[in-house]
All heavy atoms as atom14 arrays in JSON, in Angstrom:
{
  "sequence": "NTNYAESAKGRFTISRDNAKNTVYLQMNSLKPEDTAVYYCNAYIKE",
  "atom14_mask": [
    [1, 1, 1, 1, 1, 1, 1, 1, 0, 0, 0, 0, 0, 0],
    [1, 1, 1, 1, 1, 1, 1, 0, 0, 0, 0, 0, 0, 0],
    [1, 1, 1, 1, 1, 1, 1, 1, 0, 0, 0, 0, 0, 0],
    [1, 1, 1, 1, 1, 1, 1, 1, 1, 1, 1, 1, 0, 0],
    [1, 1, 1, 1, 1, 0, 0, 0, 0, 0, 0, 0, 0, 0],
    [1, 1, 1, 1, 1, 1, 1, 1, 1, 0, 0, 0, 0, 0],
    [1, 1, 1, 1, 1, 1, 0, 0, 0, 0, 0, 0, 0, 0],
    [1, 1, 1, 1, 1, 0, 0, 0, 0, 0, 0, 0, 0, 0],
    [1, 1, 1, 1, 1, 1, 1, 1, 1, 0, 0, 0, 0, 0],
    [1, 1, 1, 1, 0, 0, 0, 0, 0, 0, 0, 0, 0, 0],
    [1, 1, 1, 1, 1, 1, 1, 1, 1, 1, 1, 0, 0, 0],
    [1, 1, 1, 1, 1, 1, 1, 1, 1, 1, 1, 0, 0, 0],
    [1, 1, 1, 1, 1, 1, 1, 0, 0, 0, 0, 0, 0, 0],
    [1, 1, 1, 1, 1, 1, 1, 1, 0, 0, 0, 0, 0, 0],
    [1, 1, 1, 1, 1, 1, 0, 0, 0, 0, 0, 0, 0, 0],
    [1, 1, 1, 1, 1, 1, 1, 1, 1, 1, 1, 0, 0, 0],
    [1, 1, 1, 1, 1, 1, 1, 1, 0, 0, 0, 0, 0, 0],
    [1, 1, 1, 1, 1, 1, 1, 1, 0, 0, 0, 0, 0, 0],
    [1, 1, 1, 1, 1, 0, 0, 0, 0, 0, 0, 0, 0, 0],
    [1, 1, 1, 1, 1, 1, 1, 1, 1, 0, 0, 0, 0, 0],
    [1, 1, 1, 1, 1, 1, 1, 1, 0, 0, 0, 0, 0, 0],
    [1, 1, 1, 1, 1, 1, 1, 0, 0, 0, 0, 0, 0, 0],
    [1, 1, 1, 1, 1, 1, 1, 0, 0, 0, 0, 0, 0, 0],
    [1, 1, 1, 1, 1, 1, 1, 1, 1, 1, 1, 1, 0, 0],
    [1, 1, 1, 1, 1, 1, 1, 1, 0, 0, 0, 0, 0, 0],
    [1, 1, 1, 1, 1, 1, 1, 1, 1, 0, 0, 0, 0, 0],
    [1, 1, 1, 1, 1, 1, 1, 1, 0, 0, 0, 0, 0, 0],
    [1, 1, 1, 1, 1, 1, 1, 1, 0, 0, 0, 0, 0, 0],
    [1, 1, 1, 1, 1, 1, 0, 0, 0, 0, 0, 0, 0, 0],
    [1, 1, 1, 1, 1, 1, 1, 1, 0, 0, 0, 0, 0, 0],
    [1, 1, 1, 1, 1, 1, 1, 1, 1, 0, 0, 0, 0, 0],
    [1, 1, 1, 1, 1, 1, 1, 0, 0, 0, 0, 0, 0, 0],
    [1, 1, 1, 1, 1, 1, 1, 1, 1, 0, 0, 0, 0, 0],
    [1, 1, 1, 1, 1, 1, 1, 1, 0, 0, 0, 0, 0, 0],
    [1, 1, 1, 1, 1, 1, 1, 0, 0, 0, 0, 0, 0, 0],
    [1, 1, 1, 1, 1, 0, 0, 0, 0, 0, 0, 0, 0, 0],
    [1, 1, 1, 1, 1, 1, 1, 0, 0, 0, 0, 0, 0, 0],
    [1, 1, 1, 1, 1, 1, 1, 1, 1, 1, 1, 1, 0, 0],
    [1, 1, 1, 1, 1, 1, 1, 1, 1, 1, 1, 1, 0, 0],
    [1, 1, 1, 1, 1, 1, 0, 0, 0, 0, 0, 0, 0, 0],
    [1, 1, 1, 1, 1, 1, 1, 1, 0, 0, 0, 0, 0, 0],
    [1, 1, 1, 1, 1, 0, 0, 0, 0, 0, 0, 0, 0, 0],
    [1, 1, 1, 1, 1, 1, 1, 1, 1, 1, 1, 1, 0, 0],
    [1, 1, 1, 1, 1, 1, 1, 1, 0, 0, 0, 0, 0, 0],
    [1, 1, 1, 1, 1, 1, 1, 1, 1, 0, 0, 0, 0, 0],
    [1, 1, 1, 1, 1, 1, 1, 1, 1, 0, 0, 0, 0, 0]
  ],
  "atom14_positions": [
    [[-106.75, 82.96, 197.93], [-107.45, 84.17, 198.33], [-107.78, 84.98, 197.08], [-106.96, 85.09, 196.17], [-106.6, 85.01, 199.28], [-106.38, 84.33, 200.61], [-107.33, 83.83, 201.22], [-105.14, 84.31, 201.08], [0.0, 0.0, 0.0], [0.0, 0.0, 0.0], [0.0, 0.0, 0.0], [0.0, 0.0, 0.0], [0.0, 0.0, 0.0], [0.0, 0.0, 0.0]],
    [[-108.96, 85.54, 197.05], [-109.42, 86.24, 195.85], [-109.81, 87.67, 196.15], [-110.16, 88.03, 197.27], [-110.62, 85.53, 195.21], [-111.7, 85.47, 196.16], [-110.25, 84.12, 194.8], [0.0, 0.0, 0.0], [0.0, 0.0, 0.0], [0.0, 0.0, 0.0], [0.0, 0.0, 0.0], [0.0, 0.0, 0.0], [0.0, 0.0, 0.0], [0.0, 0.0, 0.0]],
    [[-109.75, 88.49, 195.12], [-110.27, 89.84, 195.19], [-110.86, 90.21, 193.84], [-110.4, 89.73, 192.8], [-109.19, 90.84, 195.62], [-108.05, 90.94, 194.63], [-107.19, 90.06, 194.56], [-108.03, 92.02, 193.85], [0.0, 0.0, 0.0], [0.0, 0.0, 0.0], [0.0, 0.0, 0.0], [0.0, 0.0, 0.0], [0.0, 0.0, 0.0], [0.0, 0.0, 0.0]],
    [[-111.88, 91.06, 193.87], [-112.62, 91.39, 192.67], [-112.84, 92.89, 192.56], [-112.95, 93.6, 193.57], [-113.99, 90.72, 192.67], [-113.95, 89.22, 192.64], [-113.93, 88.5, 193.83], [-113.95, 88.54, 191.44], [-113.9, 87.11, 193.81], [-113.91, 87.15, 191.41], [-113.89, 86.45, 192.6], [-113.86, 85.07, 192.58], [0.0, 0.0, 0.0], [0.0, 0.0, 0.0]],
    [[-112.9, 93.35, 191.33], [-113.38, 94.7, 191.1], [-114.84, 94.77, 191.52], [-115.57, 93.77, 191.45], [-113.24, 95.07, 189.62], [0.0, 0.0, 0.0], [0.0, 0.0, 0.0], [0.0, 0.0, 0.0], [0.0, 0.0, 0.0], [0.0, 0.0, 0.0], [0.0, 0.0, 0.0], [0.0, 0.0, 0.0], [0.0, 0.0, 0.0], [0.0, 0.0, 0.0]],
    [[-115.26, 95.93, 191.95], [-116.64, 96.09, 192.41], [-117.63, 95.68, 191.33], [-118.67, 95.07, 191.62], [-116.89, 97.52, 192.86], [-118.22, 97.73, 193.55], [-118.31, 97.0, 194.88], [-117.27, 96.83, 195.54], [-119.43, 96.59, 195.26], [0.0, 0.0, 0.0], [0.0, 0.0, 0.0], [0.0, 0.0, 0.0], [0.0, 0.0, 0.0], [0.0, 0.0, 0.0]],
    [[-117.32, 95.98, 190.09], [-118.21, 95.66, 188.99], [-118.33, 94.16, 188.73], [-119.27, 93.72, 188.08], [-117.74, 96.36, 187.71], [-116.44, 95.93, 187.35], [0.0, 0.0, 0.0], [0.0, 0.0, 0.0], [0.0, 0.0, 0.0], [0.0, 0.0, 0.0], [0.0, 0.0, 0.0], [0.0, 0.0, 0.0], [0.0, 0.0, 0.0], [0.0, 0.0, 0.0]],
    [[-117.37, 93.39, 189.25], [-117.36, 91.95, 189.01], [-117.93, 91.15, 190.17], [-118.29, 89.98, 189.99], [-115.94, 91.48, 188.73], [0.0, 0.0, 0.0], [0.0, 0.0, 0.0], [0.0, 0.0, 0.0], [0.0, 0.0, 0.0], [0.0, 0.0, 0.0], [0.0, 0.0, 0.0], [0.0, 0.0, 0.0], [0.0, 0.0, 0.0], [0.0, 0.0, 0.0]],
    [[-118.01, 91.75, 191.33], [-118.47, 91.03, 192.52], [-119.88, 90.49, 192.33], [-120.77, 91.19, 191.86], [-118.43, 91.95, 193.74], [-117.03, 92.27, 194.23], [-117.08, 93.16, 195.47], [-115.68, 93.47, 195.97], [-115.7, 94.38, 197.14], [0.0, 0.0, 0.0], [0.0, 0.0, 0.0], [0.0, 0.0, 0.0], [0.0, 0.0, 0.0], [0.0, 0.0, 0.0]],
    [[-120.05, 89.24, 192.69], [-121.34, 88.61, 192.59], [-121.65, 88.05, 191.22], [-122.63, 87.32, 191.06], [0.0, 0.0, 0.0], [0.0, 0.0, 0.0], [0.0, 0.0, 0.0], [0.0, 0.0, 0.0], [0.0, 0.0, 0.0], [0.0, 0.0, 0.0], [0.0, 0.0, 0.0], [0.0, 0.0, 0.0], [0.0, 0.0, 0.0], [0.0, 0.0, 0.0]],
    [[-120.85, 88.39, 190.23], [-121.08, 87.91, 188.87], [-119.94, 87.04, 188.34], [-120.18, 86.06, 187.64], [-121.29, 89.07, 187.91], [-122.47, 89.96, 188.25], [-122.76, 90.96, 187.13], [-121.63, 91.84, 186.87], [-121.03, 91.97, 185.69], [-121.47, 91.29, 184.64], [-120.01, 92.8, 185.55], [0.0, 0.0, 0.0], [0.0, 0.0, 0.0], [0.0, 0.0, 0.0]],
    [[-118.71, 87.41, 188.67], [-117.54, 86.7, 188.17], [-116.9, 85.89, 189.28], [-116.94, 86.28, 190.45], [-116.5, 87.68, 187.62], [-116.93, 88.45, 186.4], [-116.06, 89.37, 185.84], [-118.17, 88.27, 185.82], [-116.43, 90.1, 184.72], [-118.56, 88.98, 184.7], [-117.68, 89.91, 184.15], [0.0, 0.0, 0.0], [0.0, 0.0, 0.0], [0.0, 0.0, 0.0]],
    [[-116.29, 84.79, 188.89], [-115.55, 83.96, 189.84], [-114.21, 83.57, 189.24], [-114.15, 83.03, 188.14], [-116.33, 82.68, 190.19], [-117.6, 83.02, 190.74], [-115.55, 81.85, 191.21], [0.0, 0.0, 0.0], [0.0, 0.0, 0.0], [0.0, 0.0, 0.0], [0.0, 0.0, 0.0], [0.0, 0.0, 0.0], [0.0, 0.0, 0.0], [0.0, 0.0, 0.0]],
    [[-113.14, 83.87, 189.96], [-111.82, 83.47, 189.53], [-111.4, 82.22, 190.3], [-111.7, 82.07, 191.49], [-110.79, 84.61, 189.73], [-109.44, 84.25, 189.09], [-110.63, 84.97, 191.2], [-108.47, 85.41, 189.04], [0.0, 0.0, 0.0], [0.0, 0.0, 0.0], [0.0, 0.0, 0.0], [0.0, 0.0, 0.0], [0.0, 0.0, 0.0], [0.0, 0.0, 0.0]],
    [[-110.75, 81.31, 189.61], [-110.27, 80.08, 190.24], [-109.0, 79.64, 189.53], [-108.65, 80.16, 188.47], [-111.34, 78.99, 190.19], [-111.67, 78.67, 188.84], [0.0, 0.0, 0.0], [0.0, 0.0, 0.0], [0.0, 0.0, 0.0], [0.0, 0.0, 0.0], [0.0, 0.0, 0.0], [0.0, 0.0, 0.0], [0.0, 0.0, 0.0], [0.0, 0.0, 0.0]],
    [[-108.32, 78.67, 190.12], [-107.09, 78.2, 189.51], [-106.91, 76.71, 189.74], [-107.43, 76.14, 190.71], [-105.88, 78.96, 190.06], [-105.63, 78.78, 191.55], [-104.61, 79.78, 192.08], [-103.27, 79.52, 191.57], [-102.25, 80.37, 191.68], [-102.43, 81.55, 192.25], [-101.05, 80.03, 191.2], [0.0, 0.0, 0.0], [0.0, 0.0, 0.0], [0.0, 0.0, 0.0]],
    [[-106.18, 76.1, 188.84], [-105.81, 74.7, 188.94], [-104.28, 74.67, 188.87], [-103.71, 74.76, 187.78], [-106.44, 73.88, 187.83], [-106.18, 72.39, 187.97], [-105.2, 72.0, 188.62], [-106.98, 71.6, 187.42], [0.0, 0.0, 0.0], [0.0, 0.0, 0.0], [0.0, 0.0, 0.0], [0.0, 0.0, 0.0], [0.0, 0.0, 0.0], [0.0, 0.0, 0.0]],
    [[-103.65, 74.55, 190.0], [-102.2, 74.63, 190.04], [-101.53, 73.47, 189.32], [-100.44, 73.64, 188.76], [-101.72, 74.69, 191.49], [-102.1, 75.99, 192.18], [-102.18, 77.04, 191.54], [-102.34, 75.92, 193.49], [0.0, 0.0, 0.0], [0.0, 0.0, 0.0], [0.0, 0.0, 0.0], [0.0, 0.0, 0.0], [0.0, 0.0, 0.0], [0.0, 0.0, 0.0]],
    [[-102.16, 72.31, 189.32], [-101.6, 71.16, 188.62], [-101.55, 71.39, 187.12], [-100.71, 70.82, 186.42], [-102.39, 69.9, 188.94], [0.0, 0.0, 0.0], [0.0, 0.0, 0.0], [0.0, 0.0, 0.0], [0.0, 0.0, 0.0], [0.0, 0.0, 0.0], [0.0, 0.0, 0.0], [0.0, 0.0, 0.0], [0.0, 0.0, 0.0], [0.0, 0.0, 0.0]],
    [[-102.44, 72.23, 186.62], [-102.5, 72.53, 185.19], [-101.92, 73.9, 184.86], [-101.95, 74.31, 183.69], [-103.94, 72.46, 184.69], [-104.56, 71.08, 184.8], [-105.99, 71.08, 184.29], [-106.62, 69.71, 184.37], [-108.02, 69.71, 183.89], [0.0, 0.0, 0.0], [0.0, 0.0, 0.0], [0.0, 0.0, 0.0], [0.0, 0.0, 0.0], [0.0, 0.0, 0.0]],
    [[-101.44, 74.61, 185.86], [-100.91, 75.96, 185.66], [-101.92, 76.85, 184.94], [-101.58, 77.61, 184.03], [-99.59, 75.93, 184.88], [-98.46, 75.32, 185.67], [-98.42, 75.39, 186.9], [-97.5, 74.72, 184.97], [0.0, 0.0, 0.0], [0.0, 0.0, 0.0], [0.0, 0.0, 0.0], [0.0, 0.0, 0.0], [0.0, 0.0, 0.0], [0.0, 0.0, 0.0]],
    [[-103.15, 76.75, 185.37], [-104.25, 77.42, 184.67], [-105.1, 78.24, 185.62], [-105.37, 77.81, 186.75], [-105.13, 76.38, 183.95], [-104.33, 75.67, 182.99], [-106.27, 77.06, 183.22], [0.0, 0.0, 0.0], [0.0, 0.0, 0.0], [0.0, 0.0, 0.0], [0.0, 0.0, 0.0], [0.0, 0.0, 0.0], [0.0, 0.0, 0.0], [0.0, 0.0, 0.0]],
    [[-105.52, 79.39, 185.17], [-106.45, 80.24, 185.9], [-107.69, 80.43, 185.05], [-107.61, 80.51, 183.82], [-105.81, 81.59, 186.28], [-105.43, 82.39, 185.03], [-106.73, 82.39, 187.19], [0.0, 0.0, 0.0], [0.0, 0.0, 0.0], [0.0, 0.0, 0.0], [0.0, 0.0, 0.0], [0.0, 0.0, 0.0], [0.0, 0.0, 0.0], [0.0, 0.0, 0.0]],
    [[-108.84, 80.49, 185.71], [-110.11, 80.61, 185.02], [-110.85, 81.85, 185.48], [-110.66, 82.34, 186.6], [-111.0, 79.4, 185.3], [-110.36, 78.07, 184.99], [-109.7, 77.36, 186.0], [-110.41, 77.52, 183.72], [-109.12, 76.13, 185.73], [-109.82, 76.3, 183.45], [-109.18, 75.61, 184.46], [-108.6, 74.39, 184.19], [0.0, 0.0, 0.0], [0.0, 0.0, 0.0]],
    [[-111.71, 82.33, 184.63], [-112.64, 83.39, 185.0], [-114.02, 83.0, 184.5], [-114.27, 83.01, 183.3], [-112.23, 84.74, 184.41], [-113.09, 85.92, 184.85], [-112.9, 86.2, 186.35], [-112.76, 87.17, 184.04], [0.0, 0.0, 0.0], [0.0, 0.0, 0.0], [0.0, 0.0, 0.0], [0.0, 0.0, 0.0], [0.0, 0.0, 0.0], [0.0, 0.0, 0.0]],
    [[-114.88, 82.63, 185.43], [-116.26, 82.33, 185.11], [-117.04, 83.63, 185.16], [-117.11, 84.28, 186.19], [-116.84, 81.33, 186.1], [-118.3, 80.97, 185.85], [-118.51, 80.23, 184.56], [-117.78, 79.29, 184.25], [-119.5, 80.64, 183.78], [0.0, 0.0, 0.0], [0.0, 0.0, 0.0], [0.0, 0.0, 0.0], [0.0, 0.0, 0.0], [0.0, 0.0, 0.0]],
    [[-117.62, 84.0, 184.03], [-118.33, 85.26, 183.9], [-119.81, 84.97, 183.71], [-120.22, 84.43, 182.69], [-117.79, 86.06, 182.72], [-116.28, 86.27, 182.77], [-115.59, 86.9, 181.2], [-116.36, 88.51, 181.11], [0.0, 0.0, 0.0], [0.0, 0.0, 0.0], [0.0, 0.0, 0.0], [0.0, 0.0, 0.0], [0.0, 0.0, 0.0], [0.0, 0.0, 0.0]],
    [[-120.6, 85.33, 184.7], [-122.04, 85.15, 184.64], [-122.74, 86.5, 184.63], [-122.15, 87.53, 184.94], [-122.53, 84.34, 185.84], [-121.96, 82.94, 185.88], [-121.74, 82.32, 184.85], [-121.75, 82.42, 187.09], [0.0, 0.0, 0.0], [0.0, 0.0, 0.0], [0.0, 0.0, 0.0], [0.0, 0.0, 0.0], [0.0, 0.0, 0.0], [0.0, 0.0, 0.0]],
    [[-124.01, 86.47, 184.28], [-124.82, 87.69, 184.23], [-124.11, 88.79, 183.45], [-124.0, 89.93, 183.9], [-125.14, 88.16, 185.65], [-125.83, 87.16, 186.38], [0.0, 0.0, 0.0], [0.0, 0.0, 0.0], [0.0, 0.0, 0.0], [0.0, 0.0, 0.0], [0.0, 0.0, 0.0], [0.0, 0.0, 0.0], [0.0, 0.0, 0.0], [0.0, 0.0, 0.0]],
    [[-123.66, 88.45, 182.27], [-122.88, 89.39, 181.46], [-123.67, 90.64, 181.12], [-124.88, 90.6, 180.91], [-122.42, 88.71, 180.18], [-121.31, 87.67, 180.33], [-121.15, 86.88, 179.04], [-119.99, 88.36, 180.69], [0.0, 0.0, 0.0], [0.0, 0.0, 0.0], [0.0, 0.0, 0.0], [0.0, 0.0, 0.0], [0.0, 0.0, 0.0], [0.0, 0.0, 0.0]],
    [[-122.94, 91.74, 181.07], [-123.49, 93.03, 180.71], [-122.72, 93.6, 179.53], [-121.55, 93.27, 179.34], [-123.4, 94.01, 181.89], [-124.1, 93.55, 183.15], [-123.89, 94.55, 184.28], [-124.59, 94.12, 185.54], [-124.38, 95.09, 186.64], [0.0, 0.0, 0.0], [0.0, 0.0, 0.0], [0.0, 0.0, 0.0], [0.0, 0.0, 0.0], [0.0, 0.0, 0.0]],
    [[-123.34, 94.45, 178.73], [-122.61, 95.06, 177.61], [-121.33, 95.77, 178.05], [-120.36, 95.78, 177.29], [-123.63, 96.05, 177.03], [-124.95, 95.43, 177.35], [-124.77, 94.81, 178.71], [0.0, 0.0, 0.0], [0.0, 0.0, 0.0], [0.0, 0.0, 0.0], [0.0, 0.0, 0.0], [0.0, 0.0, 0.0], [0.0, 0.0, 0.0], [0.0, 0.0, 0.0]],
    [[-121.32, 96.34, 179.24], [-120.14, 97.03, 179.72], [-118.99, 96.1, 180.08], [-117.89, 96.55, 180.4], [-120.47, 97.93, 180.93], [-121.28, 97.24, 182.0], [-122.77, 97.51, 181.88], [-123.3, 97.44, 180.76], [-123.41, 97.8, 182.92], [0.0, 0.0, 0.0], [0.0, 0.0, 0.0], [0.0, 0.0, 0.0], [0.0, 0.0, 0.0], [0.0, 0.0, 0.0]],
    [[-119.23, 94.79, 180.03], [-118.15, 93.83, 180.19], [-117.32, 93.67, 178.92], [-116.28, 93.0, 178.93], [-118.69, 92.46, 180.61], [-119.33, 92.48, 181.98], [-118.81, 93.17, 182.88], [-120.36, 91.79, 182.16], [0.0, 0.0, 0.0], [0.0, 0.0, 0.0], [0.0, 0.0, 0.0], [0.0, 0.0, 0.0], [0.0, 0.0, 0.0], [0.0, 0.0, 0.0]],
    [[-117.78, 94.25, 177.84], [-117.06, 94.16, 176.57], [-115.68, 94.79, 176.7], [-115.54, 95.95, 177.07], [-117.85, 94.86, 175.46], [-119.1, 94.18, 175.26], [-117.07, 94.84, 174.15], [0.0, 0.0, 0.0], [0.0, 0.0, 0.0], [0.0, 0.0, 0.0], [0.0, 0.0, 0.0], [0.0, 0.0, 0.0], [0.0, 0.0, 0.0], [0.0, 0.0, 0.0]],
    [[-114.66, 94.01, 176.39], [-113.28, 94.46, 176.52], [-112.35, 93.36, 176.05], [-112.79, 92.23, 175.79], [-112.96, 94.83, 177.97], [0.0, 0.0, 0.0], [0.0, 0.0, 0.0], [0.0, 0.0, 0.0], [0.0, 0.0, 0.0], [0.0, 0.0, 0.0], [0.0, 0.0, 0.0], [0.0, 0.0, 0.0], [0.0, 0.0, 0.0], [0.0, 0.0, 0.0]],
    [[-111.08, 93.69, 175.94], [-110.06, 92.67, 175.77], [-109.62, 92.24, 177.16], [-109.24, 93.07, 177.99], [-108.86, 93.19, 174.95], [-107.78, 92.11, 174.86], [-109.3, 93.61, 173.56], [0.0, 0.0, 0.0], [0.0, 0.0, 0.0], [0.0, 0.0, 0.0], [0.0, 0.0, 0.0], [0.0, 0.0, 0.0], [0.0, 0.0, 0.0], [0.0, 0.0, 0.0]],
    [[-109.67, 90.96, 177.41], [-109.32, 90.42, 178.72], [-107.92, 89.82, 178.66], [-107.6, 89.04, 177.76], [-110.33, 89.36, 179.15], [-111.63, 89.96, 179.64], [-112.5, 90.57, 178.74], [-111.96, 89.93, 180.99], [-113.68, 91.15, 179.19], [-113.15, 90.49, 181.43], [-114.0, 91.11, 180.53], [-115.18, 91.67, 180.97], [0.0, 0.0, 0.0], [0.0, 0.0, 0.0]],
    [[-107.1, 90.18, 179.63], [-105.72, 89.74, 179.68], [-105.46, 88.92, 180.93], [-105.86, 89.29, 182.03], [-104.76, 90.93, 179.69], [-104.81, 91.78, 178.45], [-105.66, 92.88, 178.36], [-103.99, 91.49, 177.35], [-105.7, 93.67, 177.23], [-104.03, 92.27, 176.22], [-104.88, 93.36, 176.16], [-104.92, 94.14, 175.03], [0.0, 0.0, 0.0], [0.0, 0.0, 0.0]],
    [[-104.76, 87.83, 180.74], [-104.31, 87.01, 181.85], [-102.97, 87.53, 182.35], [-102.11, 87.94, 181.56], [-104.18, 85.57, 181.38], [-103.51, 84.42, 182.61], [0.0, 0.0, 0.0], [0.0, 0.0, 0.0], [0.0, 0.0, 0.0], [0.0, 0.0, 0.0], [0.0, 0.0, 0.0], [0.0, 0.0, 0.0], [0.0, 0.0, 0.0], [0.0, 0.0, 0.0]],
    [[-102.8, 87.53, 183.65], [-101.56, 87.97, 184.28], [-101.13, 86.95, 185.32], [-101.97, 86.4, 186.04], [-101.76, 89.34, 184.92], [-100.62, 89.74, 185.84], [-100.73, 89.65, 187.06], [-99.52, 90.19, 185.25], [0.0, 0.0, 0.0], [0.0, 0.0, 0.0], [0.0, 0.0, 0.0], [0.0, 0.0, 0.0], [0.0, 0.0, 0.0], [0.0, 0.0, 0.0]],
    [[-99.83, 86.68, 185.39], [-99.33, 85.74, 186.37], [-97.91, 86.09, 186.76], [-97.12, 86.53, 185.93], [-99.38, 84.31, 185.83], [0.0, 0.0, 0.0], [0.0, 0.0, 0.0], [0.0, 0.0, 0.0], [0.0, 0.0, 0.0], [0.0, 0.0, 0.0], [0.0, 0.0, 0.0], [0.0, 0.0, 0.0], [0.0, 0.0, 0.0], [0.0, 0.0, 0.0]],
    [[-97.61, 85.89, 188.03], [-96.25, 86.05, 188.52], [-95.61, 84.67, 188.59], [-96.09, 83.79, 189.29], [-96.25, 86.72, 189.89], [-96.44, 88.21, 189.81], [-97.7, 88.76, 189.61], [-95.35, 89.07, 189.9], [-97.86, 90.13, 189.51], [-95.52, 90.43, 189.81], [-96.77, 90.96, 189.61], [-96.94, 92.32, 189.51], [0.0, 0.0, 0.0], [0.0, 0.0, 0.0]],
    [[-94.52, 84.5, 187.85], [-93.94, 83.19, 187.61], [-92.45, 83.18, 187.93], [-91.73, 84.12, 187.59], [-94.16, 82.75, 186.15], [-95.66, 82.63, 185.85], [-93.46, 81.43, 185.86], [-95.98, 82.36, 184.4], [0.0, 0.0, 0.0], [0.0, 0.0, 0.0], [0.0, 0.0, 0.0], [0.0, 0.0, 0.0], [0.0, 0.0, 0.0], [0.0, 0.0, 0.0]],
    [[-92.02, 82.12, 188.58], [-90.6, 81.86, 188.77], [-90.19, 80.74, 187.83], [-90.78, 79.66, 187.85], [-90.3, 81.48, 190.22], [-88.82, 81.35, 190.52], [-88.59, 80.98, 191.98], [-87.1, 80.99, 192.33], [-86.32, 80.04, 191.53], [0.0, 0.0, 0.0], [0.0, 0.0, 0.0], [0.0, 0.0, 0.0], [0.0, 0.0, 0.0], [0.0, 0.0, 0.0]],
    [[-89.2, 80.98, 187.01], [-88.75, 80.0, 186.05], [-87.72, 79.04, 186.64], [-87.01, 79.39, 187.58], [-88.15, 80.68, 184.82], [-89.11, 81.55, 184.05], [-88.49, 82.14, 182.81], [-87.96, 81.36, 181.99], [-88.52, 83.38, 182.66], [0.0, 0.0, 0.0], [0.0, 0.0, 0.0], [0.0, 0.0, 0.0], [0.0, 0.0, 0.0], [0.0, 0.0, 0.0]]
  ]
}
């Protein structure tokens, strides 16, 4: 299940590959206001 900031809806797509423990962010139709440091966050059980 996914949720997006309003500014990202229709342009960005989040997905994950659980076998690879990896999350992706496909960013399309980039705008100058997308400029930022992007941080990955995950809730993990060790």
